[in-house]
Amino acid sequence: MGLKVLVVDDDMINRMLLKTLLKKNASVSEILEAENGSEALEKLKKEADVNIILLDVMMPVLNGVEFLKIFRAEMSNSHIPVIVLTTDDTRKTEVLENGANDFLRKPILGEDLNQKISQWT
């Protein structure tokens, strides 16, 4: 059984790029998408078998840090690894302190993404 990945990013182009990279990874079988942290929390309530979350930080409605706080404190599947994807290196400490497992700087390279996925799954 392959991995189920949840991609959380408000930018459609970033989501499309991540989906393209993930489709090239043989271990990934399903890709879910959410446009913000609130939508991601709703998807995670319905999709308990997600294996890894790729999370943008800067999003409307519920940003990545707010998502992490709620997800880690309140969700039954809060053990799922979360890799934060951002252009802002200054947020690294903040996201790691709030429950992110790892961090990747945009633009995302396929080999870096694949390495992080295999490390955390």
C-alpha atoms as a PDB file:
ATOM      1  CA  MET A   1       0.000   0.000   0.000  1.00  0.00           C
ATOM      2  CA  GLY A   2       1.389   3.367  -1.021  1.00  0.00           C
ATOM      3  CA  LEU A   3       1.589   6.591   0.909  1.00  0.00           C
ATOM      4  CA  LYS A   4      -1.265   9.063   1.194  1.00  0.00           C
ATOM      5  CA  VAL A   5       0.060  12.647   1.187  1.00  0.00           C
ATOM      6  CA  LEU A   6      -1.859  15.801   2.141  1.00  0.00           C
ATOM      7  CA  VAL A   7      -0.593  18.945   0.401  1.00  0.00           C
ATOM      8  CA  VAL A   8      -1.662  22.161   2.166  1.00  0.00           C
ATOM      9  CA  ASP A   9      -0.943  25.380   0.235  1.00  0.00           C
ATOM     10  CA  ASP A  10      -3.116  28.323  -0.762  1.00  0.00           C
ATOM     11  CA  ASP A  11      -1.266  28.756  -4.060  1.00  0.00           C
ATOM     12  CA  MET A  12      -2.688  26.510  -6.795  1.00  0.00           C
ATOM     13  CA  ILE A  13       0.574  26.584  -8.781  1.00  0.00           C
ATOM     14  CA  ASN A  14       2.548  25.389  -5.748  1.00  0.00           C
ATOM     15  CA  ARG A  15       0.038  22.575  -5.204  1.00  0.00           C
ATOM     16  CA  MET A  16       0.301  21.560  -8.874  1.00  0.00           C
ATOM     17  CA  LEU A  17       4.115  21.558  -8.671  1.00  0.00           C
ATOM     18  CA  LEU A  18       4.066  19.412  -5.528  1.00  0.00           C
ATOM     19  CA  LYS A  19       1.572  16.996  -7.088  1.00  0.00           C
ATOM     20  CA  THR A  20       3.832  16.664 -10.141  1.00  0.00           C
ATOM     21  CA  LEU A  21       6.833  15.894  -7.929  1.00  0.00           C
ATOM     22  CA  LEU A  22       4.843  13.472  -5.764  1.00  0.00           C
ATOM     23  CA  LYS A  23       3.494  11.563  -8.782  1.00  0.00           C
ATOM     24  CA  LYS A  24       7.104  10.767  -9.716  1.00  0.00           C
ATOM     25  CA  ASN A  25       7.651   9.161  -6.305  1.00  0.00           C
ATOM     26  CA  ALA A  26       6.774   5.468  -6.590  1.00  0.00           C
ATOM     27  CA  SER A  27       5.930   5.203  -2.885  1.00  0.00           C
ATOM     28  CA  VAL A  28       3.116   7.793  -3.164  1.00  0.00           C
ATOM     29  CA  SER A  29      -0.263   6.356  -4.166  1.00  0.00           C
ATOM     30  CA  GLU A  30      -2.690   9.154  -3.264  1.00  0.00           C
ATOM     31  CA  ILE A  31      -2.458  12.949  -3.042  1.00  0.00           C
ATOM     32  CA  LEU A  32      -5.007  15.061  -1.171  1.00  0.00           C
ATOM     33  CA  GLU A  33      -5.112  18.853  -1.333  1.00  0.00           C
ATOM     34  CA  ALA A  34      -6.204  21.664   0.967  1.00  0.00           C
ATOM     35  CA  GLU A  35      -6.041  25.425   0.359  1.00  0.00           C
ATOM     36  CA  ASN A  36      -5.550  26.438   4.013  1.00  0.00           C
ATOM     37  CA  GLY A  37      -5.122  25.037   7.500  1.00  0.00           C
ATOM     38  CA  SER A  38      -8.844  24.980   8.234  1.00  0.00           C
ATOM     39  CA  GLU A  39      -9.591  22.907   5.137  1.00  0.00           C
ATOM     40  CA  ALA A  40      -6.675  20.609   6.024  1.00  0.00           C
ATOM     41  CA  LEU A  41      -8.097  19.960   9.503  1.00  0.00           C
ATOM     42  CA  GLU A  42     -11.460  19.057   7.958  1.00  0.00           C
ATOM     43  CA  LYS A  43      -9.813  16.646   5.502  1.00  0.00           C
ATOM     44  CA  LEU A  44      -7.833  15.024   8.316  1.00  0.00           C
ATOM     45  CA  LYS A  45     -11.048  14.379  10.257  1.00  0.00           C
ATOM     46  CA  LYS A  46     -12.339  12.380   7.261  1.00  0.00           C
ATOM     47  CA  GLU A  47      -9.048  10.872   6.074  1.00  0.00           C
ATOM     48  CA  ALA A  48      -7.496   9.217   9.120  1.00  0.00           C
ATOM     49  CA  ASP A  49      -4.958   7.248   7.075  1.00  0.00           C
ATOM     50  CA  VAL A  50      -2.845  10.165   5.766  1.00  0.00           C
ATOM     51  CA  ASN A  51       0.851   9.259   6.056  1.00  0.00           C
ATOM     52  CA  ILE A  52       2.498  12.673   5.728  1.00  0.00           C
ATOM     53  CA  ILE A  53       1.523  16.354   5.478  1.00  0.00           C
ATOM     54  CA  LEU A  54       3.302  18.945   3.342  1.00  0.00           C
ATOM     55  CA  LEU A  55       2.380  22.314   4.840  1.00  0.00           C
ATOM     56  CA  ASP A  56       2.820  25.890   3.647  1.00  0.00           C
ATOM     57  CA  VAL A  57       3.158  28.537   6.374  1.00  0.00           C
ATOM     58  CA  MET A  58       1.731  31.705   4.841  1.00  0.00           C
ATOM     59  CA  MET A  59      -1.959  31.021   4.093  1.00  0.00           C
ATOM     60  CA  PRO A  60      -5.256  32.839   4.637  1.00  0.00           C
ATOM     61  CA  VAL A  61      -7.996  31.617   7.006  1.00  0.00           C
ATOM     62  CA  LEU A  62      -5.686  29.422   9.129  1.00  0.00           C
ATOM     63  CA  ASN A  63      -1.935  29.651   8.537  1.00  0.00           C
ATOM     64  CA  GLY A  64       0.597  26.865   8.969  1.00  0.00           C
ATOM     65  CA  VAL A  65       1.627  27.723  12.541  1.00  0.00           C
ATOM     66  CA  GLU A  66      -2.013  27.976  13.661  1.00  0.00           C
ATOM     67  CA  PHE A  67      -2.730  24.662  11.919  1.00  0.00           C
ATOM     68  CA  LEU A  68       0.173  22.981  13.736  1.00  0.00           C
ATOM     69  CA  LYS A  69      -0.999  24.200  17.145  1.00  0.00           C
ATOM     70  CA  ILE A  70      -4.533  22.872  16.634  1.00  0.00           C
ATOM     71  CA  PHE A  71      -3.455  19.677  14.861  1.00  0.00           C
ATOM     72  CA  ARG A  72      -0.921  18.632  17.503  1.00  0.00           C
ATOM     73  CA  ALA A  73      -3.193  19.515  20.446  1.00  0.00           C
ATOM     74  CA  GLU A  74      -6.611  18.337  19.291  1.00  0.00           C
ATOM     75  CA  MET A  75      -6.488  15.759  16.498  1.00  0.00           C
ATOM     76  CA  SER A  76      -6.504  12.003  17.116  1.00  0.00           C
ATOM     77  CA  ASN A  77      -4.120  11.483  14.181  1.00  0.00           C
ATOM     78  CA  SER A  78      -1.687  14.177  15.382  1.00  0.00           C
ATOM     79  CA  HIS A  79       1.222  11.707  15.115  1.00  0.00           C
ATOM     80  CA  ILE A  80       1.370  12.219  11.330  1.00  0.00           C
ATOM     81  CA  PRO A  81       4.693  13.783  10.271  1.00  0.00           C
ATOM     82  CA  VAL A  82       4.448  17.372   9.018  1.00  0.00           C
ATOM     83  CA  ILE A  83       7.039  18.870   6.675  1.00  0.00           C
ATOM     84  CA  VAL A  84       6.745  22.648   6.406  1.00  0.00           C
ATOM     85  CA  LEU A  85       7.446  24.228   3.023  1.00  0.00           C
ATOM     86  CA  THR A  86       8.242  27.947   2.971  1.00  0.00           C
ATOM     87  CA  THR A  87      10.365  30.655   1.399  1.00  0.00           C
ATOM     88  CA  ASP A  88      10.923  32.290   4.798  1.00  0.00           C
ATOM     89  CA  ASP A  89      13.851  30.702   6.651  1.00  0.00           C
ATOM     90  CA  THR A  90      13.180  32.924   9.666  1.00  0.00           C
ATOM     91  CA  ARG A  91      10.059  30.845  10.449  1.00  0.00           C
ATOM     92  CA  LYS A  92      12.002  27.573  10.826  1.00  0.00           C
ATOM     93  CA  THR A  93      12.382  27.734  14.612  1.00  0.00           C
ATOM     94  CA  GLU A  94       8.757  28.826  15.075  1.00  0.00           C
ATOM     95  CA  VAL A  95       7.297  25.970  13.035  1.00  0.00           C
ATOM     96  CA  LEU A  96       9.557  23.349  14.616  1.00  0.00           C
ATOM     97  CA  GLU A  97       8.653  24.591  18.117  1.00  0.00           C
ATOM     98  CA  ASN A  98       4.964  24.307  17.208  1.00  0.00           C
ATOM     99  CA  GLY A  99       5.092  20.692  16.081  1.00  0.00           C
ATOM    100  CA  ALA A 100       6.532  20.500  12.573  1.00  0.00           C
ATOM    101  CA  ASN A 101       8.822  17.513  12.087  1.00  0.00           C
ATOM    102  CA  ASP A 102      10.945  19.030   9.352  1.00  0.00           C
ATOM    103  CA  PHE A 103      11.404  21.964   7.024  1.00  0.00           C
ATOM    104  CA  LEU A 104      12.025  22.424   3.286  1.00  0.00           C
ATOM    105  CA  ARG A 105      12.813  25.713   1.596  1.00  0.00           C
ATOM    106  CA  LYS A 106      10.914  26.685  -1.563  1.00  0.00           C
ATOM    107  CA  PRO A 107      11.433  26.202  -4.417  1.00  0.00           C
ATOM    108  CA  ILE A 108      11.147  22.495  -3.663  1.00  0.00           C
ATOM    109  CA  LEU A 109      13.433  20.105  -5.516  1.00  0.00           C
ATOM    110  CA  GLY A 110      12.179  16.586  -6.192  1.00  0.00           C
ATOM    111  CA  GLU A 111      15.199  14.839  -4.703  1.00  0.00           C
ATOM    112  CA  ASP A 112      14.966  16.893  -1.476  1.00  0.00           C
ATOM    113  CA  LEU A 113      11.244  16.183  -1.179  1.00  0.00           C
ATOM    114  CA  ASN A 114      11.725  12.453  -1.786  1.00  0.00           C
ATOM    115  CA  GLN A 115      14.499  12.318   0.822  1.00  0.00           C
ATOM    116  CA  LYS A 116      12.278  13.967   3.458  1.00  0.00           C
ATOM    117  CA  ILE A 117       9.325  11.695   2.642  1.00  0.00           C
ATOM    118  CA  SER A 118      11.439   8.547   2.968  1.00  0.00           C
ATOM    119  CA  GLN A 119      12.982   9.872   6.181  1.00  0.00           C
ATOM    120  CA  TRP A 120       9.607  10.451   7.864  1.00  0.00           C
ATOM    121  CA  THR A 121       7.502   7.532   6.576  1.00  0.00           C
END
